[in-house]
Amino acid sequence: MDFIEVSVTTTHAAMDAISNVFMENGANGVAIEDSAEMTREHPQQFGEMYALDSEDYPNEGVVVKAYYTADEHENTDFEAIHELIKGLVQYDIDLGPIDWTLTEVKQEEWANAWKEFYHPVQVTDKLTIVPTWEEYTPHSADEHIIELDPGMAFGTGTHQTTRLCLEAVEKYVKAGDDVIDVGTGSGVLSILAAKLGAKSVLALDLDDVAVRAAQENIDYNKVDGVVEVTTGNLLEGIERNAEVVVANILADIILLFPNDVYRVLKPNGLFIASGIIEEKVDEVAAAIEAAGMTIIERDNKDDWFVLVARKEA
């Protein structure tokens, strides 16, 4: 089966949102080629060698590539998707040039595309995300390994928003916690919560493609006994309570449900919110506090922020 590759040249600030648009509109996978990879300092404390080919990366900015089957090509309104991407400007996101191209990719090229760009990602000293096709040996007994197929849905640990959220989950989720993951994407946050000893994790996503991808990753990591994946619109209809609610989604979506977060959190429960661009962080923090929670941590990587808030007892 051949594929159609839709390529969009954009900015670091917009790549998450554009990836989400593609995944919510039927893409089988999304790849990100980031010019910053050529200058980023990669950790080498364990002796790994990184050899990146400059021809694989743009000279500046980011290229987001989405993949659709040739059969889907005939039934997909790419112009409508293009308009949705251009419409992201209403969220005060710098889209850059958003140059747009469609290219046919042969099946054998598709099969190797993911492996070319994804390698083990050491998120923290005790957390590494490993593509399912790569061999990896843990460097310590307490290192958590999450195996993912990065072509399935958003959330591979390579972008600042996911890293921030993973770091916060690692810091705050405790053994025995009940956790709700809103907008689970690839399921990576839910998997980490389970590996940290959470008693139960409810993983929610509005997109059926993400739900299927998350379920496959959860099964692969053997945490399906702890994590339940289901289709859901934010926290609508959710009656269970949790020690931790985590959401790695756009700021404007977070603004829609702080009151629901407060409702489902147990006393002293925590809300971890990531995916927040700098221009929106004060507005999101104010909305969270207006719902009755107290901000206890604010952290950032470049222009992206994570907020951690507590529901006081």
Protein backbone atom coordinates (compact mmCIF):
# COMPACT_ATOMS: atom_id res chain seq x y z
CA MET A 1 0.00 0.00 0.00
CA ASP A 2 1.37 3.41 -0.99
CA PHE A 3 0.99 6.60 1.06
CA ILE A 4 0.50 10.32 0.55
CA GLU A 5 2.95 12.47 2.50
CA VAL A 6 1.63 15.93 3.40
CA SER A 7 4.52 18.21 4.33
CA VAL A 8 4.12 21.55 6.14
CA THR A 9 6.99 23.94 6.87
CA THR A 10 6.27 25.78 10.10
CA THR A 11 7.69 26.97 13.45
CA HIS A 12 8.58 25.26 16.70
CA ALA A 13 5.65 27.03 18.35
CA ALA A 14 3.15 25.57 15.88
CA MET A 15 4.38 22.01 15.36
CA ASP A 16 2.34 20.44 18.18
CA ALA A 17 -0.90 22.07 17.12
CA ILE A 18 -0.37 21.15 13.45
CA SER A 19 0.44 17.56 14.42
CA ASN A 20 -2.83 17.41 16.35
CA VAL A 21 -4.81 18.75 13.39
CA PHE A 22 -3.42 15.98 11.18
CA MET A 23 -4.09 13.23 13.74
CA GLU A 24 -7.63 14.49 14.34
CA ASN A 25 -8.24 14.35 10.58
CA GLY A 26 -7.30 10.77 9.84
CA ALA A 27 -3.50 10.77 9.48
CA ASN A 28 -1.90 7.36 10.01
CA GLY A 29 1.15 9.00 11.55
CA VAL A 30 3.09 12.23 11.89
CA ALA A 31 6.84 12.82 11.64
CA ILE A 32 8.65 15.98 12.74
CA GLU A 33 11.93 17.13 11.19
CA ASP A 34 13.36 19.78 13.50
CA SER A 35 16.25 22.04 12.47
CA ALA A 36 17.20 22.35 16.16
CA GLU A 37 18.28 18.71 16.22
CA MET A 38 21.45 19.63 14.34
CA THR A 39 22.62 21.99 17.09
CA ARG A 40 21.03 20.39 20.16
CA GLU A 41 23.45 18.82 22.63
CA HIS A 42 22.48 15.17 23.00
CA PRO A 43 23.28 13.39 26.27
CA GLN A 44 26.28 11.07 25.94
CA GLN A 45 26.95 10.10 29.54
CA PHE A 46 26.45 6.43 28.69
CA GLY A 47 28.72 6.49 25.66
CA GLU A 48 26.07 6.66 22.92
CA MET A 49 27.16 8.25 19.66
CA TYR A 50 24.79 10.45 17.70
CA ALA A 51 25.42 10.97 13.98
CA LEU A 52 22.75 13.16 12.39
CA ASP A 53 22.65 13.77 8.65
CA SER A 54 21.98 17.44 7.87
CA GLU A 55 20.16 16.39 4.70
CA ASP A 56 17.44 14.85 6.87
CA TYR A 57 16.60 18.17 8.56
CA PRO A 58 15.44 21.62 7.39
CA ASN A 59 17.84 24.58 7.55
CA GLU A 60 15.48 26.42 9.90
CA GLY A 61 12.15 25.88 11.60
CA VAL A 62 10.30 22.59 11.50
CA VAL A 63 8.78 20.35 8.86
CA VAL A 64 5.70 18.40 9.97
CA LYS A 65 4.90 15.41 7.76
CA ALA A 66 1.59 13.54 7.91
CA TYR A 67 0.85 10.26 6.15
CA TYR A 68 -2.38 9.06 4.55
CA THR A 69 -2.95 5.88 2.57
CA ALA A 70 -3.44 6.26 -1.16
CA ASP A 71 -7.03 5.05 -0.75
CA GLU A 72 -7.69 7.68 1.91
CA HIS A 73 -6.25 10.34 -0.39
CA GLU A 74 -9.36 10.24 -2.57
CA ASN A 75 -11.68 10.68 0.43
CA THR A 76 -9.67 13.26 2.38
CA ASP A 77 -10.31 16.98 1.96
CA PHE A 78 -6.74 18.23 2.18
CA GLU A 79 -7.78 21.79 1.41
CA ALA A 80 -10.06 21.73 4.46
CA ILE A 81 -7.18 20.43 6.59
CA HIS A 82 -4.97 23.19 5.20
CA GLU A 83 -7.59 25.76 6.22
CA LEU A 84 -7.79 24.28 9.73
CA ILE A 85 -4.03 24.66 10.05
CA LYS A 86 -4.12 28.24 8.82
CA GLY A 87 -6.93 28.88 11.31
CA LEU A 88 -4.62 28.09 14.23
CA VAL A 89 -3.47 31.70 14.00
CA GLN A 90 -6.58 32.59 16.08
CA TYR A 91 -4.83 30.98 19.07
CA ASP A 92 -1.93 33.46 18.77
CA ILE A 93 0.40 30.77 17.44
CA ASP A 94 3.16 31.86 15.05
CA LEU A 95 2.62 29.52 12.09
CA GLY A 96 5.56 30.69 10.00
CA PRO A 97 5.43 30.09 6.25
CA ILE A 98 3.23 26.93 6.43
CA ASP A 99 4.47 25.89 2.98
CA TRP A 100 2.37 22.88 1.91
CA THR A 101 3.24 19.96 -0.40
CA LEU A 102 1.75 16.54 -1.17
CA THR A 103 4.03 13.70 -2.28
CA GLU A 104 3.40 10.02 -3.03
CA VAL A 105 5.50 7.67 -0.89
CA LYS A 106 6.00 4.02 -1.82
CA GLN A 107 5.25 1.42 0.84
CA GLU A 108 8.89 0.38 1.24
CA GLU A 109 9.90 4.03 1.83
CA TRP A 110 7.14 4.41 4.43
CA ALA A 111 8.28 1.29 6.28
CA ASN A 112 11.69 2.85 6.92
CA ALA A 113 10.64 6.49 7.42
CA TRP A 114 9.97 6.24 11.16
CA LYS A 115 13.17 4.37 11.90
CA GLU A 116 15.22 7.09 10.24
CA PHE A 117 14.08 9.84 12.59
CA TYR A 118 13.30 8.20 15.94
CA HIS A 119 15.83 6.88 18.43
CA PRO A 120 15.80 6.33 22.21
CA VAL A 121 15.00 9.55 24.08
CA GLN A 122 16.32 9.98 27.60
CA VAL A 123 13.70 12.25 29.18
CA THR A 124 15.08 12.18 32.73
CA ASP A 125 17.76 10.25 34.60
CA LYS A 126 15.18 7.54 35.30
CA LEU A 127 13.00 7.64 32.18
CA THR A 128 13.83 6.65 28.61
CA ILE A 129 11.42 6.30 25.69
CA VAL A 130 12.47 3.67 23.17
CA PRO A 131 11.02 2.98 19.69
CA THR A 132 9.61 -0.54 19.57
CA TRP A 133 12.04 -1.65 16.85
CA GLU A 134 15.24 -0.66 18.69
CA GLU A 135 17.19 -2.68 21.23
CA TYR A 136 17.92 -0.82 24.46
CA THR A 137 19.58 -1.89 27.70
CA PRO A 138 18.57 -0.03 30.89
CA HIS A 139 21.46 1.67 32.64
CA SER A 140 20.10 1.21 36.15
CA ALA A 141 17.63 -1.00 37.97
CA ASP A 142 15.24 1.89 38.64
CA GLU A 143 15.18 3.27 35.08
CA HIS A 144 11.68 3.26 33.58
CA ILE A 145 11.54 2.19 29.92
CA ILE A 146 8.53 3.08 27.79
CA GLU A 147 8.39 1.45 24.36
CA LEU A 148 6.40 3.36 21.74
CA ASP A 149 5.61 3.26 18.07
CA PRO A 150 6.09 7.01 17.37
CA GLY A 151 4.17 6.82 14.10
CA MET A 152 0.85 6.20 15.79
CA ALA A 153 -0.12 9.38 17.64
CA PHE A 154 1.21 12.55 19.18
CA GLY A 155 3.36 12.31 22.29
CA THR A 156 6.76 10.65 21.88
CA GLY A 157 8.82 12.57 24.42
CA THR A 158 10.79 14.52 21.86
CA HIS A 159 8.97 17.84 22.20
CA GLN A 160 9.14 20.27 25.11
CA THR A 161 5.45 19.93 26.04
CA THR A 162 5.63 16.16 26.40
CA ARG A 163 8.97 16.31 28.23
CA LEU A 164 7.61 18.85 30.70
CA CYS A 165 4.56 16.72 31.36
CA LEU A 166 6.56 13.50 31.71
CA GLU A 167 8.89 15.18 34.20
CA ALA A 168 5.92 16.41 36.24
CA VAL A 169 4.22 13.00 36.18
CA GLU A 170 7.46 11.37 37.32
CA LYS A 171 7.74 13.92 40.14
CA TYR A 172 4.17 13.88 41.45
CA VAL A 173 2.46 10.54 40.71
CA LYS A 174 2.81 8.15 43.65
CA ALA A 175 2.20 4.43 44.07
CA GLY A 176 -1.49 3.79 44.70
CA ASP A 177 -2.73 6.97 42.98
CA ASP A 178 -5.77 7.07 40.73
CA VAL A 179 -4.88 9.08 37.61
CA ILE A 180 -6.89 10.57 34.73
CA ASP A 181 -5.04 11.43 31.49
CA VAL A 182 -7.05 13.89 29.36
CA GLY A 183 -6.08 13.88 25.68
CA THR A 184 -3.88 10.82 25.99
CA GLY A 185 -2.49 10.82 22.42
CA SER A 186 0.09 8.03 22.24
CA GLY A 187 -0.68 7.02 25.84
CA VAL A 188 2.85 7.82 27.01
CA LEU A 189 1.76 9.73 30.14
CA SER A 190 -0.64 6.97 31.16
CA ILE A 191 2.04 4.34 30.65
CA LEU A 192 4.48 6.25 32.83
CA ALA A 193 1.86 6.70 35.57
CA ALA A 194 1.24 2.94 35.54
CA LYS A 195 4.96 2.19 35.70
CA LEU A 196 5.25 4.55 38.69
CA GLY A 197 2.74 2.39 40.55
CA ALA A 198 -0.59 4.14 39.95
CA LYS A 199 -3.50 1.99 41.10
CA SER A 200 -5.64 2.95 38.11
CA VAL A 201 -5.30 5.21 35.07
CA LEU A 202 -8.16 6.41 32.88
CA ALA A 203 -6.83 7.55 29.48
CA LEU A 204 -9.23 9.73 27.48
CA ASP A 205 -9.09 11.07 23.94
CA LEU A 206 -11.70 12.45 21.58
CA ASP A 207 -9.90 11.02 18.54
CA ASP A 208 -10.56 7.35 17.76
CA VAL A 209 -7.17 7.08 16.02
CA ALA A 210 -5.40 8.20 19.20
CA VAL A 211 -7.48 5.80 21.31
CA ARG A 212 -6.43 2.86 19.13
CA ALA A 213 -2.79 4.00 19.12
CA ALA A 214 -2.76 4.44 22.89
CA GLN A 215 -4.30 1.01 23.42
CA GLU A 216 -1.62 -0.63 21.26
CA ASN A 217 1.17 1.15 23.13
CA ILE A 218 -0.39 0.31 26.50
CA ASP A 219 -0.70 -3.36 25.52
CA TYR A 220 2.89 -3.39 24.27
CA ASN A 221 4.13 -2.01 27.61
CA LYS A 222 2.03 -4.58 29.53
CA VAL A 223 0.16 -2.03 31.64
CA ASP A 224 -3.30 -2.82 30.24
CA GLY A 225 -4.30 -4.18 33.65
CA VAL A 226 -3.89 -0.69 35.12
CA VAL A 227 -4.73 1.65 32.21
CA GLU A 228 -8.22 1.88 30.73
CA VAL A 229 -8.41 3.71 27.38
CA THR A 230 -11.67 5.16 26.17
CA THR A 231 -13.09 7.81 23.87
CA GLY A 232 -14.12 10.92 25.75
CA ASN A 233 -14.54 14.67 25.38
CA LEU A 234 -12.35 16.14 28.11
CA LEU A 235 -13.97 15.19 31.46
CA GLU A 236 -17.59 15.20 30.30
CA GLY A 237 -19.52 12.45 32.05
CA ILE A 238 -16.55 11.32 34.17
CA GLU A 239 -17.69 10.54 37.69
CA ARG A 240 -14.65 8.83 39.17
CA ASN A 241 -12.20 10.76 41.34
CA ALA A 242 -8.43 10.94 41.11
CA GLU A 243 -5.34 12.06 42.97
CA VAL A 244 -3.86 13.35 39.70
CA VAL A 245 -5.37 14.73 36.49
CA VAL A 246 -2.89 15.31 33.67
CA ALA A 247 -3.50 17.09 30.35
CA ASN A 248 -0.92 17.75 27.65
CA ILE A 249 -3.12 19.69 25.23
CA LEU A 250 -3.47 23.21 23.83
CA ALA A 251 -3.99 26.10 26.24
CA ASP A 252 -7.34 27.05 24.73
CA ILE A 253 -8.62 23.53 25.38
CA ILE A 254 -7.34 23.56 28.97
CA LEU A 255 -9.34 26.76 29.50
CA LEU A 256 -12.55 24.82 28.80
CA PHE A 257 -12.53 22.51 31.81
CA PRO A 258 -10.77 23.68 35.03
CA ASN A 259 -14.09 23.38 36.89
CA ASP A 260 -14.42 19.75 35.81
CA VAL A 261 -10.85 19.09 36.92
CA TYR A 262 -11.69 20.52 40.35
CA ARG A 263 -14.82 18.33 40.47
CA VAL A 264 -12.99 15.03 39.85
CA LEU A 265 -9.90 15.76 41.95
CA LYS A 266 -9.74 14.32 45.44
CA PRO A 267 -8.78 16.69 48.29
CA ASN A 268 -5.08 17.59 47.90
CA GLY A 269 -5.25 16.22 44.36
CA LEU A 270 -3.02 17.65 41.63
CA PHE A 271 -3.70 18.99 38.13
CA ILE A 272 -0.73 18.81 35.74
CA ALA A 273 -1.38 20.96 32.65
CA SER A 274 1.08 21.20 29.77
CA GLY A 275 1.03 22.33 26.14
CA ILE A 276 0.75 25.97 27.22
CA ILE A 277 2.56 28.56 25.13
CA GLU A 278 4.09 31.54 26.97
CA GLU A 279 1.48 34.04 25.76
CA LYS A 280 -1.29 31.96 27.36
CA VAL A 281 0.30 30.80 30.61
CA ASP A 282 -0.99 33.63 32.82
CA GLU A 283 -4.52 33.25 31.43
CA VAL A 284 -4.50 29.49 32.03
CA ALA A 285 -3.07 29.91 35.54
CA ALA A 286 -5.79 32.45 36.37
CA ALA A 287 -8.52 30.09 35.12
CA ILE A 288 -7.15 27.21 37.18
CA GLU A 289 -7.02 29.36 40.31
CA ALA A 290 -10.52 30.73 39.63
CA ALA A 291 -11.76 27.12 39.70
CA GLY A 292 -10.45 26.78 43.27
CA MET A 293 -6.99 25.30 42.80
CA THR A 294 -3.62 26.74 43.84
CA ILE A 295 -0.66 26.84 41.45
CA ILE A 296 2.28 25.13 43.18
CA GLU A 297 4.72 24.88 40.27
CA ARG A 298 5.38 26.60 36.96
CA ASP A 299 8.15 25.33 34.71
CA ASN A 300 9.09 25.87 31.10
CA LYS A 301 11.28 24.75 28.23
CA ASP A 302 11.73 27.50 25.64
CA ASP A 303 8.28 29.04 25.06
CA TRP A 304 6.29 26.09 26.47
CA PHE A 305 5.03 25.83 30.05
CA VAL A 306 3.68 23.25 32.46
CA LEU A 307 1.55 24.23 35.44
CA VAL A 308 0.94 22.07 38.51
CA ALA A 309 -2.01 23.01 40.72
CA ARG A 310 -3.40 21.55 43.95
CA LYS A 311 -6.99 21.24 45.11
CA GLU A 312 -6.73 22.15 48.77
CA ALA A 313 -8.33 19.82 51.30
